[in-house]
Amino acid sequence: MGAQLRVYRQKIKSAQTTKKITRAMELISASRIQKAQARVAASTPYSRAITRAVSAVATYSNVDHVLTTEPETIERAAIVIFSSDRGLAGAFSSQVLREAEELAELLRGQGKEVAYFLVGRKATAYFNFRKRASEKTWTGGTDQPQFESAREIGEVLLESFLRDAGDGGVDEIHLVYNRFVSMVTQTPQVVRLLPLEVVEGVEEPEAGDILPLYEFEPDAATVLDGLLPVYIESRIFNAMLQSAASEHAARQKAMKSASDNADKLITDYTRLANNARQSEITQQISEIVGGADALASAKS
């Protein structure tokens, strides 16, 4: 009985230690999520404005630019996966990896070869464990993205896009990341980065509407050359910020659930320990009473 009581006390101590860790991680994520949300809110309007500006140039000019023109045949497609560097965030990385796998199956069904670009240690570990190849990986700082990282990723992707598929380049680029919806909801998102999907001027104007007039200085091709690197960097950086905010929210939710489970374990093992202690006391009392009765019988 004493050995069983010691086991319960060890389990209670272990659960209490685990709770301290999960509670601390929950508080850290809670303190960082506000800043991450603010960065997403500040980045998203700029990213949308750049996208509309680039699509406006593509729509209202007759320039046949390589970055806005749909190729006749797409032989090779790139998938950029944004995961996390650390675990203990619930299904954060697994759901984005699952979404990337579904996209890859769809692209292969269309006869396209798939090339992977990985952001975060979880995606890298996923591919290394399965001995699958990737074009390039970036690790470190997924929970606090820096614009320099987005610029580096954009330069690599742009260089790969401008290279022929036969030489190891790609014909289209897709981003797969977790979009921050709320503190309890983070949705996997798939965005085609290149070639640019035109969002300006796709709807038919109604009667009486006047289409906007654009003038390009010095010319539309030069404007596109200047805007497109900015567009790529802003979209990638926004995806990184969305992923970081989602990571903090997912980790806070997972750690709160772990802390609640630790509380439940502590309560259950405390009850079992009390029952074991009560049984031990009852047994000791019974032994004392039995011994006293035996002594009394021997004297008589």
Protein backbone atom coordinates (compact mmCIF):
# COMPACT_ATOMS: atom_id res chain seq x y z
CA MET A 1 0.00 0.00 0.00
CA GLY A 2 2.85 2.38 0.81
CA ALA A 3 4.49 1.71 -2.56
CA GLN A 4 1.24 2.53 -4.35
CA LEU A 5 0.96 5.80 -2.41
CA ARG A 6 4.50 6.76 -3.44
CA VAL A 7 3.64 6.12 -7.10
CA TYR A 8 0.62 8.40 -6.89
CA ARG A 9 2.67 11.15 -5.24
CA GLN A 10 5.31 10.88 -7.97
CA LYS A 11 2.63 11.18 -10.64
CA ILE A 12 1.15 14.25 -8.91
CA LYS A 13 4.59 15.89 -8.76
CA SER A 14 5.21 15.09 -12.44
CA ALA A 15 1.85 16.56 -13.46
CA GLN A 16 2.53 19.71 -11.42
CA THR A 17 5.90 20.16 -13.13
CA THR A 18 4.31 19.71 -16.54
CA LYS A 19 1.62 22.22 -15.67
CA LYS A 20 4.24 24.85 -14.77
CA ILE A 21 5.84 24.44 -18.21
CA THR A 22 2.60 24.48 -20.20
CA ARG A 23 1.25 27.41 -18.19
CA ALA A 24 4.42 29.41 -18.82
CA MET A 25 4.27 28.68 -22.57
CA GLU A 26 0.60 29.64 -22.63
CA LEU A 27 1.37 33.01 -21.02
CA ILE A 28 4.28 33.64 -23.42
CA SER A 29 2.08 32.96 -26.46
CA ALA A 30 -0.69 35.13 -25.00
CA SER A 31 1.75 38.02 -24.58
CA ARG A 32 3.04 37.70 -28.17
CA ILE A 33 -0.25 37.19 -29.97
CA GLN A 34 -1.32 40.83 -29.65
CA LYS A 35 1.83 42.09 -31.34
CA ALA A 36 1.53 39.41 -34.03
CA GLN A 37 -2.08 40.42 -34.73
CA ALA A 38 -1.07 44.07 -34.99
CA ARG A 39 1.64 43.20 -37.51
CA VAL A 40 -0.85 41.22 -39.60
CA ALA A 41 -3.37 44.08 -39.49
CA ALA A 42 -0.69 46.54 -40.61
CA SER A 43 0.64 44.31 -43.40
CA THR A 44 -2.56 43.02 -45.01
CA PRO A 45 -3.88 46.34 -46.48
CA TYR A 46 -0.46 47.10 -47.97
CA SER A 47 -0.22 43.63 -49.51
CA ARG A 48 -3.70 43.97 -51.03
CA ALA A 49 -2.92 47.44 -52.38
CA ILE A 50 0.28 46.23 -54.04
CA THR A 51 -1.61 43.30 -55.58
CA ARG A 52 -4.28 45.61 -56.98
CA ALA A 53 -1.65 48.01 -58.31
CA VAL A 54 0.22 45.26 -60.15
CA SER A 55 -2.98 43.76 -61.55
CA ALA A 56 -4.11 47.23 -62.64
CA VAL A 57 -0.95 47.65 -64.69
CA ALA A 58 -1.45 44.19 -66.19
CA THR A 59 -5.11 44.91 -66.98
CA TYR A 60 -4.93 48.43 -68.40
CA SER A 61 -1.77 48.03 -70.46
CA ASN A 62 -0.86 45.88 -73.42
CA VAL A 63 2.45 44.75 -71.96
CA ASP A 64 3.17 41.03 -72.30
CA HIS A 65 5.22 40.57 -69.13
CA VAL A 66 6.65 37.19 -68.13
CA LEU A 67 5.40 37.50 -64.54
CA THR A 68 1.79 38.29 -65.45
CA THR A 69 1.36 36.10 -68.55
CA GLU A 70 -0.02 32.60 -68.17
CA PRO A 71 2.36 30.14 -69.88
CA GLU A 72 0.93 27.86 -72.53
CA THR A 73 2.12 24.74 -70.74
CA ILE A 74 3.05 24.44 -67.07
CA GLU A 75 5.59 21.68 -66.58
CA ARG A 76 6.84 22.39 -63.07
CA ALA A 77 5.07 24.02 -60.10
CA ALA A 78 6.57 25.20 -56.82
CA ILE A 79 4.88 24.84 -53.43
CA VAL A 80 6.17 27.03 -50.60
CA ILE A 81 5.16 25.56 -47.22
CA PHE A 82 5.15 27.81 -44.14
CA SER A 83 5.40 25.74 -40.94
CA SER A 84 6.82 26.43 -37.46
CA ASP A 85 10.25 25.97 -35.93
CA ARG A 86 8.89 24.58 -32.66
CA GLY A 87 6.22 22.09 -31.72
CA LEU A 88 3.63 22.10 -28.92
CA ALA A 89 1.22 24.03 -31.15
CA GLY A 90 -1.46 21.44 -31.72
CA ALA A 91 -2.27 20.74 -35.38
CA PHE A 92 -0.64 23.95 -36.63
CA SER A 93 2.08 22.37 -38.77
CA SER A 94 0.28 19.13 -39.57
CA GLN A 95 -2.73 20.84 -41.12
CA VAL A 96 -0.63 23.03 -43.40
CA LEU A 97 1.45 20.00 -44.45
CA ARG A 98 -1.72 18.07 -45.17
CA GLU A 99 -3.02 20.97 -47.29
CA ALA A 100 0.27 21.04 -49.21
CA GLU A 101 0.04 17.30 -49.87
CA GLU A 102 -3.48 17.67 -51.25
CA LEU A 103 -2.32 20.54 -53.50
CA ALA A 104 0.63 18.44 -54.71
CA GLU A 105 -1.69 15.57 -55.59
CA LEU A 106 -3.91 17.96 -57.54
CA LEU A 107 -0.95 19.41 -59.45
CA ARG A 108 0.45 15.97 -60.25
CA GLY A 109 -2.98 14.95 -61.51
CA GLN A 110 -2.70 17.83 -63.98
CA GLY A 111 0.61 16.44 -65.24
CA LYS A 112 2.85 18.91 -63.40
CA GLU A 113 6.06 18.16 -61.56
CA VAL A 114 6.15 19.57 -58.02
CA ALA A 115 9.11 21.31 -56.37
CA TYR A 116 9.05 22.16 -52.66
CA PHE A 117 10.41 25.18 -50.81
CA LEU A 118 10.20 24.78 -47.04
CA VAL A 119 9.97 27.41 -44.29
CA GLY A 120 10.28 26.17 -40.70
CA ARG A 121 11.95 23.20 -39.00
CA LYS A 122 8.74 21.17 -38.78
CA ALA A 123 8.31 21.04 -42.57
CA THR A 124 12.03 20.31 -42.98
CA ALA A 125 11.85 17.45 -40.46
CA TYR A 126 8.72 16.10 -42.18
CA PHE A 127 10.52 15.87 -45.52
CA ASN A 128 13.80 14.59 -44.07
CA PHE A 129 12.04 11.79 -42.18
CA ARG A 130 10.37 10.63 -45.42
CA LYS A 131 13.60 11.15 -47.40
CA ARG A 132 11.89 13.54 -49.80
CA ALA A 133 13.79 16.22 -51.68
CA SER A 134 13.22 19.96 -51.44
CA GLU A 135 14.72 22.82 -53.43
CA LYS A 136 15.61 25.06 -50.47
CA THR A 137 14.78 25.41 -46.78
CA TRP A 138 14.65 28.33 -44.36
CA THR A 139 14.60 27.85 -40.59
CA GLY A 140 14.61 30.14 -37.58
CA GLY A 141 12.39 33.05 -36.60
CA THR A 142 9.04 31.68 -37.78
CA ASP A 143 7.33 33.02 -34.64
CA GLN A 144 8.79 36.52 -35.17
CA PRO A 145 9.27 37.00 -38.94
CA GLN A 146 11.65 39.59 -40.31
CA PHE A 147 11.26 41.33 -43.66
CA GLU A 148 14.82 40.38 -44.64
CA SER A 149 13.77 36.72 -44.58
CA ALA A 150 10.80 37.46 -46.85
CA ARG A 151 13.11 39.32 -49.24
CA GLU A 152 15.52 36.40 -49.37
CA ILE A 153 12.70 33.92 -50.04
CA GLY A 154 11.28 36.23 -52.72
CA GLU A 155 14.63 36.52 -54.50
CA VAL A 156 15.06 32.73 -54.59
CA LEU A 157 11.51 32.18 -55.86
CA LEU A 158 11.78 34.90 -58.49
CA GLU A 159 15.09 33.53 -59.74
CA SER A 160 13.57 30.05 -59.96
CA PHE A 161 10.50 31.38 -61.76
CA LEU A 162 12.57 33.21 -64.38
CA ARG A 163 14.61 30.06 -65.06
CA ASP A 164 13.36 27.50 -67.58
CA ALA A 165 11.68 24.40 -66.18
CA GLY A 166 14.17 22.25 -68.05
CA ASP A 167 17.01 23.92 -66.12
CA GLY A 168 15.39 23.38 -62.73
CA GLY A 169 13.08 26.40 -62.77
CA VAL A 170 9.33 26.54 -62.17
CA ASP A 171 6.37 27.81 -64.19
CA GLU A 172 4.10 28.71 -61.26
CA ILE A 173 4.42 29.28 -57.51
CA HIS A 174 1.90 28.48 -54.77
CA LEU A 175 2.06 29.56 -51.13
CA VAL A 176 0.58 27.30 -48.43
CA TYR A 177 0.26 28.79 -44.94
CA ASN A 178 -2.11 29.09 -41.98
CA ARG A 179 -4.32 32.17 -42.16
CA PHE A 180 -5.20 33.77 -38.85
CA VAL A 181 -8.99 33.98 -38.51
CA SER A 182 -9.45 34.21 -34.74
CA MET A 183 -7.87 33.00 -31.51
CA VAL A 184 -9.56 29.61 -31.94
CA THR A 185 -9.53 29.29 -35.73
CA GLN A 186 -6.52 29.13 -38.06
CA THR A 187 -7.32 28.03 -41.60
CA PRO A 188 -4.84 26.56 -44.12
CA GLN A 189 -4.67 28.89 -47.12
CA VAL A 190 -3.41 28.26 -50.67
CA VAL A 191 -2.46 31.31 -52.77
CA ARG A 192 -0.98 31.29 -56.26
CA LEU A 193 1.80 33.85 -56.14
CA LEU A 194 2.98 33.68 -59.76
CA PRO A 195 1.90 34.09 -62.49
CA LEU A 196 -0.15 36.91 -61.03
CA GLU A 197 -3.90 36.30 -61.08
CA VAL A 198 -5.52 39.54 -62.27
CA VAL A 199 -7.98 40.91 -59.70
CA GLU A 200 -8.50 44.34 -61.24
CA GLY A 201 -10.96 44.70 -64.09
CA VAL A 202 -12.21 41.11 -64.01
CA GLU A 203 -15.84 42.12 -63.53
CA GLU A 204 -17.90 43.56 -66.34
CA PRO A 205 -18.70 47.24 -65.76
CA GLU A 206 -22.33 48.14 -65.31
CA ALA A 207 -24.10 50.57 -67.61
CA GLY A 208 -22.99 54.12 -66.95
CA ASP A 209 -19.85 53.09 -65.05
CA ILE A 210 -16.61 54.69 -66.14
CA LEU A 211 -13.48 52.61 -66.04
CA PRO A 212 -10.47 54.23 -64.33
CA LEU A 213 -7.81 55.76 -66.54
CA TYR A 214 -4.18 54.94 -65.86
CA GLU A 215 -1.04 56.65 -67.06
CA PHE A 216 2.27 54.88 -66.58
CA GLU A 217 5.59 56.68 -66.15
CA PRO A 218 7.97 56.00 -67.73
CA ASP A 219 6.14 53.00 -69.29
CA ALA A 220 4.07 49.99 -68.18
CA ALA A 221 6.92 47.49 -68.57
CA THR A 222 9.22 49.54 -66.32
CA VAL A 223 6.42 49.96 -63.76
CA LEU A 224 5.86 46.21 -63.72
CA ASP A 225 9.59 45.55 -63.32
CA GLY A 226 9.60 47.87 -60.29
CA LEU A 227 6.34 46.68 -58.72
CA LEU A 228 6.65 42.92 -59.07
CA PRO A 229 9.59 42.38 -56.66
CA VAL A 230 7.74 44.52 -54.10
CA TYR A 231 4.57 42.52 -54.73
CA ILE A 232 6.34 39.19 -54.21
CA GLU A 233 8.09 40.33 -51.02
CA SER A 234 4.91 41.83 -49.54
CA ARG A 235 2.81 38.72 -50.23
CA ILE A 236 5.46 36.42 -48.76
CA PHE A 237 5.93 38.64 -45.71
CA ASN A 238 2.18 38.79 -45.15
CA ALA A 239 2.01 34.98 -45.36
CA MET A 240 4.83 34.76 -42.78
CA LEU A 241 3.02 37.17 -40.46
CA GLN A 242 -0.27 35.29 -40.83
CA SER A 243 1.56 32.04 -40.08
CA ALA A 244 3.27 33.54 -37.00
CA ALA A 245 0.01 34.87 -35.56
CA SER A 246 -1.63 31.50 -36.20
CA GLU A 247 1.28 29.71 -34.51
CA HIS A 248 0.99 31.80 -31.34
CA ALA A 249 -2.80 31.32 -31.22
CA ALA A 250 -2.51 27.57 -31.82
CA ARG A 251 0.21 27.21 -29.17
CA GLN A 252 -1.78 29.19 -26.61
CA LYS A 253 -4.82 27.00 -27.25
CA ALA A 254 -2.78 23.78 -27.07
CA MET A 255 -0.97 24.82 -23.89
CA LYS A 256 -4.22 25.85 -22.19
CA SER A 257 -5.67 22.46 -23.01
CA ALA A 258 -2.51 20.78 -21.66
CA SER A 259 -2.70 22.83 -18.44
CA ASP A 260 -6.36 21.88 -17.99
CA ASN A 261 -5.50 18.21 -18.53
CA ALA A 262 -2.68 18.48 -15.97
CA ASP A 263 -5.15 19.95 -13.45
CA LYS A 264 -7.46 17.02 -14.08
CA LEU A 265 -4.65 14.52 -13.62
CA ILE A 266 -3.57 16.20 -10.37
CA THR A 267 -7.15 16.05 -9.08
CA ASP A 268 -7.58 12.39 -10.05
CA TYR A 269 -4.23 11.25 -8.62
CA THR A 270 -4.80 13.27 -5.42
CA ARG A 271 -8.11 11.47 -4.95
CA LEU A 272 -6.45 8.09 -5.55
CA ALA A 273 -3.61 9.00 -3.18
CA ASN A 274 -6.11 10.01 -0.47
CA ASN A 275 -7.96 6.70 -0.93
CA ALA A 276 -4.68 4.79 -0.73
CA ARG A 277 -3.67 6.72 2.40
CA GLN A 278 -7.06 6.10 3.98
CA SER A 279 -6.80 2.39 3.21
CA GLU A 280 -3.32 2.32 4.74
CA ILE A 281 -4.56 4.04 7.91
CA THR A 282 -7.54 1.67 8.14
CA GLN A 283 -5.25 -1.32 7.76
CA GLN A 284 -2.90 0.00 10.46
CA ILE A 285 -5.83 0.56 12.85
CA SER A 286 -7.12 -2.94 12.13
CA GLU A 287 -3.68 -4.39 12.88
CA ILE A 288 -3.45 -2.47 16.17
CA VAL A 289 -6.93 -3.55 17.24
CA GLY A 290 -6.19 -7.12 16.22
CA GLY A 291 -2.93 -7.09 18.22
CA ALA A 292 -4.65 -5.66 21.28
CA ASP A 293 -7.34 -8.32 21.09
CA ALA A 294 -4.70 -11.03 20.80
CA LEU A 295 -2.85 -9.72 23.88
CA ALA A 296 -6.08 -9.53 25.85
CA SER A 297 -6.96 -13.10 24.91
CA ALA A 298 -3.50 -14.33 25.90
CA LYS A 299 -3.74 -12.73 29.36
CA SER A 300 -7.12 -14.21 30.03
